[in-house]
């Protein structure tokens, strides 16, 4: 049984976030994607402190589907170095976790 992961990434705008979310669901790389309210990010990039408005995504997937998910984010993401952070889900409603596993299985 594949471990469920919560993956976080940020996109520069709502349109790119929505396109990526839909692509991840259609390809079964993710079971669910939450687009959150835009936020202001502060970070150091190439030696300079920068700020940017970004749209966070919370993505529910499995360890088995993670390679496909990471590849899809890297392919579609406009940033040179996208944030992709996977957090193992140590507990959760069993029926929901089973649903995530089911939705990320290929339809073969």
PDB file of N, CA and C in Angstrom:
ATOM      1  N   UNK A   1       0.851  -1.170   0.000  1.00  0.00           N
ATOM      2  CA  UNK A   1       0.000   0.000   0.000  1.00  0.00           C
ATOM      3  C   UNK A   1       0.901   1.238   0.000  1.00  0.00           C
ATOM      4  N   UNK A   2       0.759   2.108  -0.987  1.00  0.00           N
ATOM      5  CA  UNK A   2       1.626   3.266  -1.159  1.00  0.00           C
ATOM      6  C   UNK A   2       1.337   4.348  -0.122  1.00  0.00           C
ATOM      7  N   UNK A   3       2.409   4.935   0.393  1.00  0.00           N
ATOM      8  CA  UNK A   3       2.298   6.013   1.375  1.00  0.00           C
ATOM      9  C   UNK A   3       1.690   7.260   0.724  1.00  0.00           C
ATOM     10  N   UNK A   4       0.794   7.937   1.439  1.00  0.00           N
ATOM     11  CA  UNK A   4       0.191   9.176   0.955  1.00  0.00           C
ATOM     12  C   UNK A   4       1.131  10.331   1.289  1.00  0.00           C
ATOM     13  N   UNK A   5       1.256  11.261   0.332  1.00  0.00           N
ATOM     14  CA  UNK A   5       2.100  12.439   0.490  1.00  0.00           C
ATOM     15  C   UNK A   5       1.280  13.702   0.289  1.00  0.00           C
ATOM     16  N   UNK A   6       1.659  14.754   0.987  1.00  0.00           N
ATOM     17  CA  UNK A   6       1.144  16.092   0.751  1.00  0.00           C
ATOM     18  C   UNK A   6       2.287  16.882   0.127  1.00  0.00           C
ATOM     19  N   UNK A   7       2.088  17.372  -1.089  1.00  0.00           N
ATOM     20  CA  UNK A   7       3.142  18.076  -1.819  1.00  0.00           C
ATOM     21  C   UNK A   7       2.749  19.542  -1.935  1.00  0.00           C
ATOM     22  N   UNK A   8       3.708  20.431  -1.665  1.00  0.00           N
ATOM     23  CA  UNK A   8       3.482  21.870  -1.775  1.00  0.00           C
ATOM     24  C   UNK A   8       4.323  22.446  -2.898  1.00  0.00           C
ATOM     25  N   UNK A   9       3.716  23.365  -3.637  1.00  0.00           N
ATOM     26  CA  UNK A   9       4.436  24.152  -4.632  1.00  0.00           C
ATOM     27  C   UNK A   9       3.753  25.502  -4.733  1.00  0.00           C
ATOM     28  N   UNK A  10       4.427  26.460  -5.339  1.00  0.00           N
ATOM     29  CA  UNK A  10       3.877  27.798  -5.553  1.00  0.00           C
ATOM     30  C   UNK A  10       4.011  28.163  -7.014  1.00  0.00           C
ATOM     31  N   UNK A  11       2.994  28.802  -7.568  1.00  0.00           N
ATOM     32  CA  UNK A  11       2.998  29.259  -8.945  1.00  0.00           C
ATOM     33  C   UNK A  11       2.877  30.788  -8.957  1.00  0.00           C
ATOM     34  N   UNK A  12       3.282  31.435 -10.055  1.00  0.00           N
ATOM     35  CA  UNK A  12       3.275  32.890 -10.079  1.00  0.00           C
ATOM     36  C   UNK A  12       1.898  33.530 -10.237  1.00  0.00           C
ATOM     37  N   UNK A  13       0.900  32.755 -10.686  1.00  0.00           N
ATOM     38  CA  UNK A  13      -0.423  33.336 -10.901  1.00  0.00           C
ATOM     39  C   UNK A  13      -1.491  32.240 -10.889  1.00  0.00           C
ATOM     40  N   UNK A  14      -2.747  32.668 -10.805  1.00  0.00           N
ATOM     41  CA  UNK A  14      -3.865  31.731 -10.715  1.00  0.00           C
ATOM     42  C   UNK A  14      -4.011  30.888 -11.981  1.00  0.00           C
ATOM     43  N   UNK A  15      -3.799  31.480 -13.147  1.00  0.00           N
ATOM     44  CA  UNK A  15      -3.953  30.719 -14.392  1.00  0.00           C
ATOM     45  C   UNK A  15      -2.976  29.551 -14.474  1.00  0.00           C
ATOM     46  N   UNK A  16      -1.703  29.800 -14.173  1.00  0.00           N
ATOM     47  CA  UNK A  16      -0.730  28.700 -14.237  1.00  0.00           C
ATOM     48  C   UNK A  16      -1.005  27.674 -13.145  1.00  0.00           C
ATOM     49  N   UNK A  17      -1.472  28.120 -11.979  1.00  0.00           N
ATOM     50  CA  UNK A  17      -1.821  27.191 -10.900  1.00  0.00           C
ATOM     51  C   UNK A  17      -2.998  26.306 -11.308  1.00  0.00           C
ATOM     52  N   UNK A  18      -4.010  26.906 -11.920  1.00  0.00           N
ATOM     53  CA  UNK A  18      -5.184  26.140 -12.352  1.00  0.00           C
ATOM     54  C   UNK A  18      -4.832  25.142 -13.447  1.00  0.00           C
ATOM     55  N   UNK A  19      -3.997  25.556 -14.397  1.00  0.00           N
ATOM     56  CA  UNK A  19      -3.588  24.636 -15.474  1.00  0.00           C
ATOM     57  C   UNK A  19      -2.831  23.443 -14.910  1.00  0.00           C
ATOM     58  N   UNK A  20      -1.891  23.709 -14.001  1.00  0.00           N
ATOM     59  CA  UNK A  20      -1.117  22.621 -13.413  1.00  0.00           C
ATOM     60  C   UNK A  20      -2.023  21.698 -12.599  1.00  0.00           C
ATOM     61  N   UNK A  21      -2.905  22.261 -11.798  1.00  0.00           N
ATOM     62  CA  UNK A  21      -3.815  21.440 -10.982  1.00  0.00           C
ATOM     63  C   UNK A  21      -4.630  20.498 -11.867  1.00  0.00           C
ATOM     64  N   UNK A  22      -5.192  21.038 -12.926  1.00  0.00           N
ATOM     65  CA  UNK A  22      -6.014  20.204 -13.820  1.00  0.00           C
ATOM     66  C   UNK A  22      -5.168  19.108 -14.478  1.00  0.00           C
ATOM     67  N   UNK A  23      -3.973  19.456 -14.909  1.00  0.00           N
ATOM     68  CA  UNK A  23      -3.083  18.475 -15.541  1.00  0.00           C
ATOM     69  C   UNK A  23      -2.745  17.345 -14.574  1.00  0.00           C
ATOM     70  N   UNK A  24      -2.476  17.679 -13.321  1.00  0.00           N
ATOM     71  CA  UNK A  24      -2.118  16.661 -12.330  1.00  0.00           C
ATOM     72  C   UNK A  24      -3.277  15.714 -12.058  1.00  0.00           C
ATOM     73  N   UNK A  25      -4.494  16.242 -12.026  1.00  0.00           N
ATOM     74  CA  UNK A  25      -5.673  15.397 -11.796  1.00  0.00           C
ATOM     75  C   UNK A  25      -5.953  14.532 -13.027  1.00  0.00           C
ATOM     76  N   UNK A  26      -5.921  15.149 -14.210  1.00  0.00           N
ATOM     77  CA  UNK A  26      -6.211  14.396 -15.436  1.00  0.00           C
ATOM     78  C   UNK A  26      -5.226  13.243 -15.638  1.00  0.00           C
ATOM     79  N   UNK A  27      -3.969  13.440 -15.266  1.00  0.00           N
ATOM     80  CA  UNK A  27      -2.958  12.403 -15.471  1.00  0.00           C
ATOM     81  C   UNK A  27      -2.902  11.389 -14.323  1.00  0.00           C
ATOM     82  N   UNK A  28      -3.709  11.609 -13.292  1.00  0.00           N
ATOM     83  CA  UNK A  28      -3.736  10.766 -12.096  1.00  0.00           C
ATOM     84  C   UNK A  28      -2.441  10.831 -11.289  1.00  0.00           C
ATOM     85  N   UNK A  29      -1.664  11.904 -11.492  1.00  0.00           N
ATOM     86  CA  UNK A  29      -0.483  12.124 -10.662  1.00  0.00           C
ATOM     87  C   UNK A  29      -0.891  12.609  -9.278  1.00  0.00           C
ATOM     88  N   UNK A  30      -2.122  13.109  -9.163  1.00  0.00           N
ATOM     89  CA  UNK A  30      -2.657  13.592  -7.886  1.00  0.00           C
ATOM     90  C   UNK A  30      -4.132  13.237  -7.788  1.00  0.00           C
ATOM     91  N   UNK A  31      -4.587  13.088  -6.551  1.00  0.00           N
ATOM     92  CA  UNK A  31      -6.008  12.821  -6.306  1.00  0.00           C
ATOM     93  C   UNK A  31      -6.777  14.116  -6.091  1.00  0.00           C
ATOM     94  N   UNK A  32      -6.108  15.119  -5.531  1.00  0.00           N
ATOM     95  CA  UNK A  32      -6.757  16.382  -5.184  1.00  0.00           C
ATOM     96  C   UNK A  32      -5.695  17.470  -5.147  1.00  0.00           C
ATOM     97  N   UNK A  33      -6.052  18.650  -5.637  1.00  0.00           N
ATOM     98  CA  UNK A  33      -5.167  19.808  -5.565  1.00  0.00           C
ATOM     99  C   UNK A  33      -5.974  20.974  -5.016  1.00  0.00           C
ATOM    100  N   UNK A  34      -5.489  21.571  -3.944  1.00  0.00           N
ATOM    101  CA  UNK A  34      -6.113  22.767  -3.380  1.00  0.00           C
ATOM    102  C   UNK A  34      -5.314  23.988  -3.805  1.00  0.00           C
ATOM    103  N   UNK A  35      -5.980  24.941  -4.456  1.00  0.00           N
ATOM    104  CA  UNK A  35      -5.350  26.229  -4.769  1.00  0.00           C
ATOM    105  C   UNK A  35      -5.695  27.171  -3.632  1.00  0.00           C
ATOM    106  N   UNK A  36      -4.676  27.670  -2.974  1.00  0.00           N
ATOM    107  CA  UNK A  36      -4.875  28.542  -1.828  1.00  0.00           C
ATOM    108  C   UNK A  36      -4.877  30.013  -2.248  1.00  0.00           C
ATOM    109  N   UNK A  37      -5.204  30.865  -1.303  1.00  0.00           N
ATOM    110  CA  UNK A  37      -5.201  32.307  -1.520  1.00  0.00           C
ATOM    111  C   UNK A  37      -3.792  32.774  -1.841  1.00  0.00           C
ATOM    112  N   UNK A  38      -3.636  33.694  -2.777  1.00  0.00           N
ATOM    113  CA  UNK A  38      -2.296  34.202  -3.081  1.00  0.00           C
ATOM    114  C   UNK A  38      -1.601  34.738  -1.826  1.00  0.00           C
ATOM    115  N   UNK A  39      -0.287  34.599  -1.832  1.00  0.00           N
ATOM    116  CA  UNK A  39       0.514  35.041  -0.691  1.00  0.00           C
ATOM    117  C   UNK A  39       1.712  35.827  -1.195  1.00  0.00           C
ATOM    118  N   UNK A  40       2.402  36.485  -0.285  1.00  0.00           N
ATOM    119  CA  UNK A  40       3.632  37.190  -0.609  1.00  0.00           C
ATOM    120  C   UNK A  40       4.790  36.366  -0.069  1.00  0.00           C
ATOM    121  N   UNK A  41       5.682  35.949  -0.946  1.00  0.00           N
ATOM    122  CA  UNK A  41       6.851  35.158  -0.564  1.00  0.00           C
ATOM    123  C   UNK A  41       8.085  36.049  -0.572  1.00  0.00           C
ATOM    124  N   UNK A  42       8.934  35.863   0.443  1.00  0.00           N
ATOM    125  CA  UNK A  42      10.219  36.560   0.522  1.00  0.00           C
ATOM    126  C   UNK A  42      11.298  35.496   0.553  1.00  0.00           C
ATOM    127  N   UNK A  43      12.313  35.643  -0.286  1.00  0.00           N
ATOM    128  CA  UNK A  43      13.335  34.609  -0.414  1.00  0.00           C
ATOM    129  C   UNK A  43      14.617  35.230  -0.975  1.00  0.00           C
ATOM    130  N   UNK A  44      15.705  34.511  -0.850  1.00  0.00           N
ATOM    131  CA  UNK A  44      16.968  34.923  -1.458  1.00  0.00           C
ATOM    132  C   UNK A  44      17.139  34.137  -2.748  1.00  0.00           C
ATOM    133  N   UNK A  45      17.388  34.844  -3.848  1.00  0.00           N
ATOM    134  CA  UNK A  45      17.591  34.202  -5.138  1.00  0.00           C
ATOM    135  C   UNK A  45      18.792  34.845  -5.813  1.00  0.00           C
ATOM    136  N   UNK A  46      19.781  34.028  -6.111  1.00  0.00           N
ATOM    137  CA  UNK A  46      21.006  34.461  -6.769  1.00  0.00           C
ATOM    138  C   UNK A  46      21.631  35.661  -6.057  1.00  0.00           C
ATOM    139  N   UNK A  47      21.678  35.556  -4.715  1.00  0.00           N
ATOM    140  CA  UNK A  47      22.330  36.553  -3.889  1.00  0.00           C
ATOM    141  C   UNK A  47      21.514  37.783  -3.559  1.00  0.00           C
ATOM    142  N   UNK A  48      20.313  37.880  -4.062  1.00  0.00           N
ATOM    143  CA  UNK A  48      19.461  39.044  -3.813  1.00  0.00           C
ATOM    144  C   UNK A  48      18.206  38.625  -3.043  1.00  0.00           C
ATOM    145  N   UNK A  49      17.753  39.485  -2.135  1.00  0.00           N
ATOM    146  CA  UNK A  49      16.486  39.238  -1.444  1.00  0.00           C
ATOM    147  C   UNK A  49      15.367  39.751  -2.340  1.00  0.00           C
ATOM    148  N   UNK A  50      14.399  38.877  -2.585  1.00  0.00           N
ATOM    149  CA  UNK A  50      13.299  39.198  -3.479  1.00  0.00           C
ATOM    150  C   UNK A  50      11.965  38.914  -2.801  1.00  0.00           C
ATOM    151  N   UNK A  51      10.913  39.508  -3.325  1.00  0.00           N
ATOM    152  CA  UNK A  51       9.544  39.203  -2.907  1.00  0.00           C
ATOM    153  C   UNK A  51       8.720  38.969  -4.171  1.00  0.00           C
ATOM    154  N   UNK A  52       7.737  38.104  -4.045  1.00  0.00           N
ATOM    155  CA  UNK A  52       6.862  37.803  -5.183  1.00  0.00           C
ATOM    156  C   UNK A  52       5.502  37.359  -4.673  1.00  0.00           C
ATOM    157  N   UNK A  53       4.465  37.771  -5.375  1.00  0.00           N
ATOM    158  CA  UNK A  53       3.126  37.245  -5.105  1.00  0.00           C
ATOM    159  C   UNK A  53       3.050  35.882  -5.766  1.00  0.00           C
ATOM    160  N   UNK A  54       2.600  34.883  -5.012  1.00  0.00           N
ATOM    161  CA  UNK A  54       2.526  33.520  -5.528  1.00  0.00           C
ATOM    162  C   UNK A  54       1.210  32.870  -5.114  1.00  0.00           C
ATOM    163  N   UNK A  55       0.855  31.824  -5.851  1.00  0.00           N
ATOM    164  CA  UNK A  55      -0.362  31.049  -5.571  1.00  0.00           C
ATOM    165  C   UNK A  55       0.071  29.661  -5.112  1.00  0.00           C
ATOM    166  N   UNK A  56      -0.135  29.338  -3.821  1.00  0.00           N
ATOM    167  CA  UNK A  56       0.256  28.021  -3.309  1.00  0.00           C
ATOM    168  C   UNK A  56      -0.716  26.921  -3.746  1.00  0.00           C
ATOM    169  N   UNK A  57      -0.150  25.752  -4.007  1.00  0.00           N
ATOM    170  CA  UNK A  57      -0.940  24.551  -4.265  1.00  0.00           C
ATOM    171  C   UNK A  57      -0.575  23.498  -3.232  1.00  0.00           C
ATOM    172  N   UNK A  58      -1.588  22.836  -2.681  1.00  0.00           N
ATOM    173  CA  UNK A  58      -1.411  21.659  -1.825  1.00  0.00           C
ATOM    174  C   UNK A  58      -1.929  20.468  -2.609  1.00  0.00           C
ATOM    175  N   UNK A  59      -1.062  19.511  -2.815  1.00  0.00           N
ATOM    176  CA  UNK A  59      -1.349  18.394  -3.714  1.00  0.00           C
ATOM    177  C   UNK A  59      -1.321  17.086  -2.927  1.00  0.00           C
ATOM    178  N   UNK A  60      -2.385  16.288  -3.049  1.00  0.00           N
ATOM    179  CA  UNK A  60      -2.438  14.974  -2.402  1.00  0.00           C
ATOM    180  C   UNK A  60      -2.124  13.902  -3.430  1.00  0.00           C
ATOM    181  N   UNK A  61      -1.103  13.096  -3.114  1.00  0.00           N
ATOM    182  CA  UNK A  61      -0.660  12.052  -4.017  1.00  0.00           C
ATOM    183  C   UNK A  61      -0.105  10.895  -3.203  1.00  0.00           C
ATOM    184  N   UNK A  62       0.556   9.957  -3.869  1.00  0.00           N
ATOM    185  CA  UNK A  62       1.188   8.830  -3.181  1.00  0.00           C
ATOM    186  C   UNK A  62       2.670   8.782  -3.551  1.00  0.00           C
ATOM    187  N   UNK A  63       3.419   8.050  -2.767  1.00  0.00           N
ATOM    188  CA  UNK A  63       4.849   7.879  -3.058  1.00  0.00           C
ATOM    189  C   UNK A  63       5.031   7.224  -4.440  1.00  0.00           C
ATOM    190  N   UNK A  64       4.167   6.275  -4.781  1.00  0.00           N
ATOM    191  CA  UNK A  64       4.265   5.623  -6.090  1.00  0.00           C
ATOM    192  C   UNK A  64       4.036   6.607  -7.237  1.00  0.00           C
ATOM    193  N   UNK A  65       3.118   7.567  -7.056  1.00  0.00           N
ATOM    194  CA  UNK A  65       2.795   8.530  -8.107  1.00  0.00           C
ATOM    195  C   UNK A  65       3.717   9.751  -8.083  1.00  0.00           C
ATOM    196  N   UNK A  66       4.515   9.884  -7.028  1.00  0.00           N
ATOM    197  CA  UNK A  66       5.347  11.077  -6.873  1.00  0.00           C
ATOM    198  C   UNK A  66       6.290  11.340  -8.054  1.00  0.00           C
ATOM    199  N   UNK A  67       7.012  10.351  -8.591  1.00  0.00           N
ATOM    200  CA  UNK A  67       7.905  10.650  -9.715  1.00  0.00           C
ATOM    201  C   UNK A  67       7.168  11.282 -10.908  1.00  0.00           C
ATOM    202  N   UNK A  68       5.982  10.773 -11.213  1.00  0.00           N
ATOM    203  CA  UNK A  68       5.175  11.332 -12.294  1.00  0.00           C
ATOM    204  C   UNK A  68       4.757  12.763 -11.952  1.00  0.00           C
ATOM    205  N   UNK A  69       4.347  12.990 -10.694  1.00  0.00           N
ATOM    206  CA  UNK A  69       3.928  14.308 -10.247  1.00  0.00           C
ATOM    207  C   UNK A  69       5.084  15.302 -10.331  1.00  0.00           C
ATOM    208  N   UNK A  70       6.257  14.925  -9.825  1.00  0.00           N
ATOM    209  CA  UNK A  70       7.406  15.825  -9.862  1.00  0.00           C
ATOM    210  C   UNK A  70       7.782  16.171 -11.304  1.00  0.00           C
ATOM    211  N   UNK A  71       7.790  15.172 -12.173  1.00  0.00           N
ATOM    212  CA  UNK A  71       8.123  15.415 -13.577  1.00  0.00           C
ATOM    213  C   UNK A  71       7.130  16.377 -14.222  1.00  0.00           C
ATOM    214  N   UNK A  72       5.854  16.219 -13.911  1.00  0.00           N
ATOM    215  CA  UNK A  72       4.823  17.099 -14.478  1.00  0.00           C
ATOM    216  C   UNK A  72       4.985  18.525 -13.968  1.00  0.00           C
ATOM    217  N   UNK A  73       5.276  18.690 -12.686  1.00  0.00           N
ATOM    218  CA  UNK A  73       5.479  20.036 -12.149  1.00  0.00           C
ATOM    219  C   UNK A  73       6.698  20.672 -12.807  1.00  0.00           C
ATOM    220  N   UNK A  74       7.794  19.930 -12.866  1.00  0.00           N
ATOM    221  CA  UNK A  74       9.018  20.481 -13.458  1.00  0.00           C
ATOM    222  C   UNK A  74       8.809  20.872 -14.917  1.00  0.00           C
ATOM    223  N   UNK A  75       8.048  20.068 -15.646  1.00  0.00           N
ATOM    224  CA  UNK A  75       7.783  20.334 -17.061  1.00  0.00           C
ATOM    225  C   UNK A  75       6.917  21.586 -17.253  1.00  0.00           C
ATOM    226  N   UNK A  76       5.880  21.743 -16.432  1.00  0.00           N
ATOM    227  CA  UNK A  76       4.900  22.822 -16.625  1.00  0.00           C
ATOM    228  C   UNK A  76       5.242  24.104 -15.868  1.00  0.00           C
ATOM    229  N   UNK A  77       6.117  24.020 -14.890  1.00  0.00           N
ATOM    230  CA  UNK A  77       6.374  25.155 -14.005  1.00  0.00           C
ATOM    231  C   UNK A  77       7.218  26.215 -14.698  1.00  0.00           C
ATOM    232  N   UNK A  78       6.823  27.488 -14.568  1.00  0.00           N
ATOM    233  CA  UNK A  78       7.584  28.547 -15.228  1.00  0.00           C
ATOM    234  C   UNK A  78       8.877  28.951 -14.507  1.00  0.00           C
ATOM    235  N   UNK A  79       9.059  28.540 -13.260  1.00  0.00           N
ATOM    236  CA  UNK A  79      10.262  28.923 -12.516  1.00  0.00           C
ATOM    237  C   UNK A  79      11.447  28.044 -12.895  1.00  0.00           C
ATOM    238  N   UNK A  80      12.622  28.611 -12.872  1.00  0.00           N
ATOM    239  CA  UNK A  80      13.853  27.864 -13.105  1.00  0.00           C
ATOM    240  C   UNK A  80      14.044  26.801 -12.026  1.00  0.00           C
ATOM    241  N   UNK A  81      13.719  27.144 -10.785  1.00  0.00           N
ATOM    242  CA  UNK A  81      13.845  26.224  -9.652  1.00  0.00           C
ATOM    243  C   UNK A  81      12.540  26.226  -8.861  1.00  0.00           C
ATOM    244  N   UNK A  82      11.573  25.383  -9.253  1.00  0.00           N
ATOM    245  CA  UNK A  82      10.286  25.381  -8.541  1.00  0.00           C
ATOM    246  C   UNK A  82      10.402  24.740  -7.164  1.00  0.00           C
ATOM    247  N   UNK A  83       9.633  25.271  -6.239  1.00  0.00           N
ATOM    248  CA  UNK A  83       9.504  24.629  -4.928  1.00  0.00           C
ATOM    249  C   UNK A  83       8.657  23.373  -5.110  1.00  0.00           C
ATOM    250  N   UNK A  84       9.210  22.244  -4.709  1.00  0.00           N
ATOM    251  CA  UNK A  84       8.457  20.983  -4.686  1.00  0.00           C
ATOM    252  C   UNK A  84       8.864  20.293  -3.396  1.00  0.00           C
ATOM    253  N   UNK A  85       7.950  20.294  -2.424  1.00  0.00           N
ATOM    254  CA  UNK A  85       8.235  19.711  -1.115  1.00  0.00           C
ATOM    255  C   UNK A  85       7.190  18.642  -0.835  1.00  0.00           C
ATOM    256  N   UNK A  86       7.636  17.427  -0.566  1.00  0.00           N
ATOM    257  CA  UNK A  86       6.731  16.316  -0.269  1.00  0.00           C
ATOM    258  C   UNK A  86       6.810  15.982   1.213  1.00  0.00           C
ATOM    259  N   UNK A  87       5.652  15.943   1.847  1.00  0.00           N
ATOM    260  CA  UNK A  87       5.556  15.664   3.272  1.00  0.00           C
ATOM    261  C   UNK A  87       4.764  14.372   3.457  1.00  0.00           C
ATOM    262  N   UNK A  88       5.355  13.362   4.094  1.00  0.00           N
ATOM    263  CA  UNK A  88       4.604  12.119   4.338  1.00  0.00           C
ATOM    264  C   UNK A  88       3.412  12.374   5.265  1.00  0.00           C
ATOM    265  N   UNK A  89       2.289  11.751   4.947  1.00  0.00           N
ATOM    266  CA  UNK A  89       1.093  11.841   5.794  1.00  0.00           C
ATOM    267  C   UNK A  89       1.159  10.687   6.781  1.00  0.00           C
ATOM    268  N   UNK A  90       1.376  11.012   8.053  1.00  0.00           N
ATOM    269  CA  UNK A  90       1.556   9.965   9.063  1.00  0.00           C
ATOM    270  C   UNK A  90       0.231   9.450   9.622  1.00  0.00           C
ATOM    271  N   UNK A  91      -0.839  10.232   9.467  1.00  0.00           N
ATOM    272  CA  UNK A  91      -2.164   9.801   9.954  1.00  0.00           C
ATOM    273  C   UNK A  91      -3.220  10.563   9.169  1.00  0.00           C
ATOM    274  N   UNK A  92      -4.406   9.993   9.121  1.00  0.00           N
ATOM    275  CA  UNK A  92      -5.514  10.628   8.426  1.00  0.00           C
ATOM    276  C   UNK A  92      -6.709   9.702   8.410  1.00  0.00           C
ATOM    277  N   UNK A  93      -7.828  10.214   7.974  1.00  0.00           N
ATOM    278  CA  UNK A  93      -9.036   9.411   7.864  1.00  0.00           C
ATOM    279  C   UNK A  93      -8.761   8.269   6.894  1.00  0.00           C
ATOM    280  N   UNK A  94      -8.830   7.023   7.347  1.00  0.00           N
ATOM    281  CA  UNK A  94      -8.465   5.896   6.483  1.00  0.00           C
ATOM    282  C   UNK A  94      -9.201   5.886   5.144  1.00  0.00           C
ATOM    283  N   UNK A  95     -10.474   6.195   5.147  1.00  0.00           N
ATOM    284  CA  UNK A  95     -11.235   6.184   3.887  1.00  0.00           C
ATOM    285  C   UNK A  95     -10.706   7.250   2.923  1.00  0.00           C
ATOM    286  N   UNK A  96     -10.315   8.405   3.437  1.00  0.00           N
ATOM    287  CA  UNK A  96      -9.764   9.455   2.579  1.00  0.00           C
ATOM    288  C   UNK A  96      -8.412   9.037   2.008  1.00  0.00           C
ATOM    289  N   UNK A  97      -7.556   8.476   2.855  1.00  0.00           N
ATOM    290  CA  UNK A  97      -6.248   8.030   2.392  1.00  0.00           C
ATOM    291  C   UNK A  97      -6.386   6.928   1.341  1.00  0.00           C
ATOM    292  N   UNK A  98      -7.349   6.034   1.530  1.00  0.00           N
ATOM    293  CA  UNK A  98      -7.610   4.992   0.529  1.00  0.00           C
ATOM    294  C   UNK A  98      -8.067   5.616  -0.792  1.00  0.00           C
ATOM    295  N   UNK A  99      -8.902   6.674  -0.698  1.00  0.00           N
ATOM    296  CA  UNK A  99      -9.372   7.372  -1.889  1.00  0.00           C
ATOM    297  C   UNK A  99      -8.197   7.991  -2.656  1.00  0.00           C
ATOM    298  N   UNK A 100      -7.259   8.614  -1.941  1.00  0.00           N
ATOM    299  CA  UNK A 100      -6.076   9.183  -2.590  1.00  0.00           C
ATOM    300  C   UNK A 100      -5.312   8.087  -3.330  1.00  0.00           C
ATOM    301  N   UNK A 101      -5.125   6.960  -2.675  1.00  0.00           N
ATOM    302  CA  UNK A 101      -4.411   5.834  -3.315  1.00  0.00           C
ATOM    303  C   UNK A 101      -5.142   5.359  -4.575  1.00  0.00           C
ATOM    304  N   UNK A 102      -6.466   5.241  -4.467  1.00  0.00           N
ATOM    305  CA  UNK A 102      -7.263   4.764  -5.595  1.00  0.00           C
ATOM    306  C   UNK A 102      -7.196   5.745  -6.771  1.00  0.00           C
ATOM    307  N   UNK A 103      -7.301   7.037  -6.497  1.00  0.00           N
ATOM    308  CA  UNK A 103      -7.340   8.040  -7.548  1.00  0.00           C
ATOM    309  C   UNK A 103      -5.996   8.266  -8.238  1.00  0.00           C
ATOM    310  N   UNK A 104      -4.912   7.821  -7.631  1.00  0.00           N
ATOM    311  CA  UNK A 104      -3.597   8.005  -8.248  1.00  0.00           C
ATOM    312  C   UNK A 104      -3.093   6.744  -8.937  1.00  0.00           C
ATOM    313  N   UNK A 105      -3.930   5.726  -9.001  1.00  0.00           N
ATOM    314  CA  UNK A 105      -3.555   4.504  -9.727  1.00  0.00           C
ATOM    315  C   UNK A 105      -3.911   4.689 -11.194  1.00  0.00           C
ATOM    316  N   UNK A 106      -3.055   4.202 -12.057  1.00  0.00           N
ATOM    317  CA  UNK A 106      -3.346   4.296 -13.488  1.00  0.00           C
ATOM    318  C   UNK A 106      -4.560   3.431 -13.822  1.00  0.00           C
ATOM    319  N   UNK A 107      -5.218   3.783 -14.891  1.00  0.00           N
ATOM    320  CA  UNK A 107      -6.462   3.093 -15.273  1.00  0.00           C
ATOM    321  C   UNK A 107      -6.204   1.872 -16.148  1.00  0.00           C
ATOM    322  N   UNK A 108      -5.046   1.294 -16.060  1.00  0.00           N
ATOM    323  CA  UNK A 108      -4.715   0.134 -16.900  1.00  0.00           C
ATOM    324  C   UNK A 108      -5.430  -1.101 -16.454  1.00  0.00           C
TER     325      UNK A 108
END
